[in-house]
């Protein structure tokens, strides 16, 4: 968890809570709109990753995030 927090804080400097910006930083060329090698399958992977994140975030009472930043 510490390494994930470090990555988010140091490599994704946006503080708006846009989950997609993290995906864009890691897999943007493969999964995000505007990427050089993006495919429909890649976009589906990004959506699924957000769905998993959202389920976990809700389970632990986390708020202040949004889906935007990668495929929308």
N, C-alpha and C. Protein backbone atom coordinates (compact mmCIF):
# COMPACT_ATOMS: atom_id res chain seq x y z
N UNK A 1 0.82 -1.18 0.00
CA UNK A 1 0.00 0.00 0.00
C UNK A 1 0.87 1.25 0.00
N UNK A 2 1.95 1.21 0.74
CA UNK A 2 2.84 2.38 0.79
C UNK A 2 3.42 2.70 -0.58
N UNK A 3 3.80 1.67 -1.33
CA UNK A 3 4.37 1.93 -2.65
C UNK A 3 3.32 2.50 -3.60
N UNK A 4 2.09 2.04 -3.49
CA UNK A 4 1.02 2.59 -4.32
C UNK A 4 0.76 4.05 -3.98
N UNK A 5 0.75 4.36 -2.68
CA UNK A 5 0.55 5.75 -2.26
C UNK A 5 1.71 6.62 -2.74
N UNK A 6 2.93 6.11 -2.62
CA UNK A 6 4.08 6.87 -3.09
C UNK A 6 3.95 7.16 -4.58
N UNK A 7 3.63 6.13 -5.37
CA UNK A 7 3.51 6.31 -6.82
C UNK A 7 2.47 7.38 -7.13
N UNK A 8 1.30 7.26 -6.51
CA UNK A 8 0.24 8.22 -6.79
C UNK A 8 0.66 9.63 -6.43
N UNK A 9 1.27 9.79 -5.28
CA UNK A 9 1.65 11.13 -4.81
C UNK A 9 2.81 11.73 -5.60
N UNK A 10 3.74 10.90 -6.05
CA UNK A 10 4.91 11.45 -6.72
C UNK A 10 4.80 11.47 -8.25
N UNK A 11 4.06 10.54 -8.82
CA UNK A 11 4.00 10.42 -10.27
C UNK A 11 2.70 10.93 -10.88
N UNK A 12 1.67 11.08 -10.08
CA UNK A 12 0.38 11.58 -10.56
C UNK A 12 0.04 12.81 -9.72
N UNK A 13 0.64 13.95 -10.05
CA UNK A 13 0.53 15.12 -9.18
C UNK A 13 -0.85 15.77 -9.12
N UNK A 14 -1.78 15.36 -9.96
CA UNK A 14 -3.11 15.93 -9.93
C UNK A 14 -3.79 15.55 -8.61
N UNK A 15 -4.45 16.49 -7.98
CA UNK A 15 -5.10 16.21 -6.70
C UNK A 15 -6.63 16.19 -6.80
N UNK A 16 -7.15 16.06 -8.01
CA UNK A 16 -8.60 16.10 -8.20
C UNK A 16 -9.28 14.76 -7.91
N UNK A 17 -8.52 13.72 -7.65
CA UNK A 17 -9.11 12.41 -7.38
C UNK A 17 -9.53 11.66 -8.62
N UNK A 18 -8.97 12.01 -9.77
CA UNK A 18 -9.33 11.33 -11.00
C UNK A 18 -8.55 10.00 -11.09
N UNK A 19 -9.25 8.91 -10.81
CA UNK A 19 -8.62 7.59 -10.83
C UNK A 19 -7.97 7.29 -12.17
N UNK A 20 -8.60 7.71 -13.23
CA UNK A 20 -8.09 7.43 -14.57
C UNK A 20 -6.71 8.01 -14.84
N UNK A 21 -6.33 9.06 -14.13
CA UNK A 21 -5.01 9.64 -14.35
C UNK A 21 -3.90 8.67 -13.94
N UNK A 22 -4.16 7.85 -12.93
CA UNK A 22 -3.18 6.84 -12.53
C UNK A 22 -3.04 5.80 -13.64
N UNK A 23 -4.17 5.32 -14.17
CA UNK A 23 -4.14 4.38 -15.27
C UNK A 23 -3.41 4.99 -16.46
N UNK A 24 -3.69 6.25 -16.73
CA UNK A 24 -3.06 6.92 -17.87
C UNK A 24 -1.54 6.97 -17.69
N UNK A 25 -1.08 7.22 -16.48
CA UNK A 25 0.36 7.28 -16.22
C UNK A 25 1.02 5.92 -16.43
N UNK A 26 0.36 4.86 -16.01
CA UNK A 26 0.94 3.51 -16.07
C UNK A 26 0.74 2.86 -17.44
N UNK A 27 -0.48 2.84 -17.93
CA UNK A 27 -0.83 2.10 -19.15
C UNK A 27 -1.49 2.96 -20.21
N UNK A 28 -1.25 4.25 -20.19
CA UNK A 28 -1.95 5.16 -21.08
C UNK A 28 -1.87 4.83 -22.55
N UNK A 29 -0.71 4.39 -23.02
CA UNK A 29 -0.59 4.07 -24.44
C UNK A 29 -1.42 2.86 -24.85
N UNK A 30 -1.77 2.01 -23.89
CA UNK A 30 -2.51 0.79 -24.21
C UNK A 30 -3.98 0.85 -23.83
N UNK A 31 -4.33 1.69 -22.85
CA UNK A 31 -5.68 1.64 -22.30
C UNK A 31 -6.45 2.95 -22.31
N UNK A 32 -5.82 4.06 -22.62
CA UNK A 32 -6.51 5.35 -22.51
C UNK A 32 -6.69 6.02 -23.87
N UNK A 33 -7.79 6.72 -24.00
CA UNK A 33 -8.08 7.46 -25.23
C UNK A 33 -6.92 8.40 -25.52
N UNK A 34 -6.46 8.39 -26.75
CA UNK A 34 -5.32 9.21 -27.15
C UNK A 34 -4.01 8.45 -27.11
N UNK A 35 -4.01 7.25 -26.55
CA UNK A 35 -2.79 6.44 -26.51
C UNK A 35 -2.40 5.96 -27.89
N UNK A 36 -1.12 5.73 -28.09
CA UNK A 36 -0.64 5.34 -29.41
C UNK A 36 -1.03 3.91 -29.80
N UNK A 37 -1.25 3.04 -28.83
CA UNK A 37 -1.60 1.65 -29.11
C UNK A 37 -2.91 1.23 -28.45
N UNK A 38 -3.78 2.19 -28.18
CA UNK A 38 -5.02 1.88 -27.48
C UNK A 38 -5.94 1.02 -28.35
N UNK A 39 -6.61 0.08 -27.69
CA UNK A 39 -7.57 -0.81 -28.35
C UNK A 39 -8.86 -0.83 -27.54
N UNK A 40 -9.96 -1.27 -28.13
CA UNK A 40 -11.19 -1.41 -27.34
C UNK A 40 -11.00 -2.34 -26.14
N UNK A 41 -10.20 -3.38 -26.30
CA UNK A 41 -9.93 -4.30 -25.20
C UNK A 41 -9.18 -3.58 -24.07
N UNK A 42 -8.26 -2.72 -24.45
CA UNK A 42 -7.52 -1.96 -23.45
C UNK A 42 -8.43 -1.04 -22.66
N UNK A 43 -9.34 -0.38 -23.36
CA UNK A 43 -10.30 0.50 -22.69
C UNK A 43 -11.18 -0.31 -21.75
N UNK A 44 -11.59 -1.51 -22.16
CA UNK A 44 -12.39 -2.38 -21.29
C UNK A 44 -11.61 -2.76 -20.03
N UNK A 45 -10.31 -3.01 -20.17
CA UNK A 45 -9.49 -3.33 -19.00
C UNK A 45 -9.46 -2.16 -18.03
N UNK A 46 -9.33 -0.96 -18.57
CA UNK A 46 -9.30 0.23 -17.72
C UNK A 46 -10.63 0.40 -16.99
N UNK A 47 -11.73 0.17 -17.67
CA UNK A 47 -13.05 0.27 -17.03
C UNK A 47 -13.19 -0.76 -15.92
N UNK A 48 -12.77 -1.98 -16.18
CA UNK A 48 -12.86 -3.04 -15.19
C UNK A 48 -12.01 -2.71 -13.96
N UNK A 49 -10.83 -2.16 -14.18
CA UNK A 49 -9.96 -1.78 -13.07
C UNK A 49 -10.64 -0.73 -12.20
N UNK A 50 -11.32 0.22 -12.83
CA UNK A 50 -12.03 1.23 -12.05
C UNK A 50 -13.17 0.59 -11.26
N UNK A 51 -13.90 -0.33 -11.85
CA UNK A 51 -15.00 -1.00 -11.15
C UNK A 51 -14.49 -1.71 -9.90
N UNK A 52 -13.34 -2.36 -10.00
CA UNK A 52 -12.75 -3.04 -8.85
C UNK A 52 -12.35 -2.01 -7.79
N UNK A 53 -11.67 -0.95 -8.23
CA UNK A 53 -11.28 0.11 -7.30
C UNK A 53 -12.49 0.69 -6.59
N UNK A 54 -13.54 0.97 -7.35
CA UNK A 54 -14.73 1.57 -6.76
C UNK A 54 -15.37 0.67 -5.71
N UNK A 55 -15.42 -0.62 -5.98
CA UNK A 55 -15.99 -1.56 -5.01
C UNK A 55 -15.18 -1.56 -3.71
N UNK A 56 -13.87 -1.55 -3.83
CA UNK A 56 -13.01 -1.53 -2.65
C UNK A 56 -13.15 -0.19 -1.92
N UNK A 57 -13.14 0.90 -2.67
CA UNK A 57 -13.26 2.22 -2.06
C UNK A 57 -14.56 2.36 -1.28
N UNK A 58 -15.65 1.89 -1.85
CA UNK A 58 -16.93 1.95 -1.15
C UNK A 58 -16.92 1.08 0.10
N UNK A 59 -16.29 -0.08 0.02
CA UNK A 59 -16.24 -0.99 1.15
C UNK A 59 -15.50 -0.40 2.35
N UNK A 60 -14.50 0.44 2.08
CA UNK A 60 -13.72 1.03 3.17
C UNK A 60 -14.15 2.47 3.47
N UNK A 61 -15.20 2.95 2.81
CA UNK A 61 -15.72 4.28 3.08
C UNK A 61 -14.95 5.43 2.47
N UNK A 62 -14.21 5.16 1.43
CA UNK A 62 -13.42 6.19 0.77
C UNK A 62 -14.30 7.04 -0.14
N UNK A 63 -14.04 8.33 -0.17
CA UNK A 63 -14.79 9.25 -1.03
C UNK A 63 -13.81 10.20 -1.69
N UNK A 64 -14.32 11.03 -2.59
CA UNK A 64 -13.51 12.07 -3.19
C UNK A 64 -12.75 11.66 -4.44
N UNK A 65 -13.20 10.62 -5.11
CA UNK A 65 -12.53 10.17 -6.33
C UNK A 65 -13.53 10.19 -7.47
N UNK A 66 -13.01 10.15 -8.68
CA UNK A 66 -13.88 10.08 -9.86
C UNK A 66 -13.25 9.15 -10.89
N UNK A 67 -14.06 8.74 -11.83
CA UNK A 67 -13.64 7.79 -12.85
C UNK A 67 -12.83 8.44 -13.97
N UNK A 68 -12.89 9.71 -14.12
CA UNK A 68 -12.33 10.40 -15.27
C UNK A 68 -10.80 10.37 -15.33
N UNK A 69 -10.29 10.63 -16.53
CA UNK A 69 -8.86 10.77 -16.70
C UNK A 69 -8.22 9.82 -17.69
N UNK A 70 -8.94 8.76 -18.09
CA UNK A 70 -8.35 7.78 -19.00
C UNK A 70 -9.23 7.55 -20.22
N UNK A 71 -10.35 6.94 -20.05
CA UNK A 71 -11.19 6.57 -21.18
C UNK A 71 -12.43 7.43 -21.30
N UNK A 72 -12.56 8.43 -20.50
CA UNK A 72 -13.70 9.34 -20.59
C UNK A 72 -13.28 10.75 -20.22
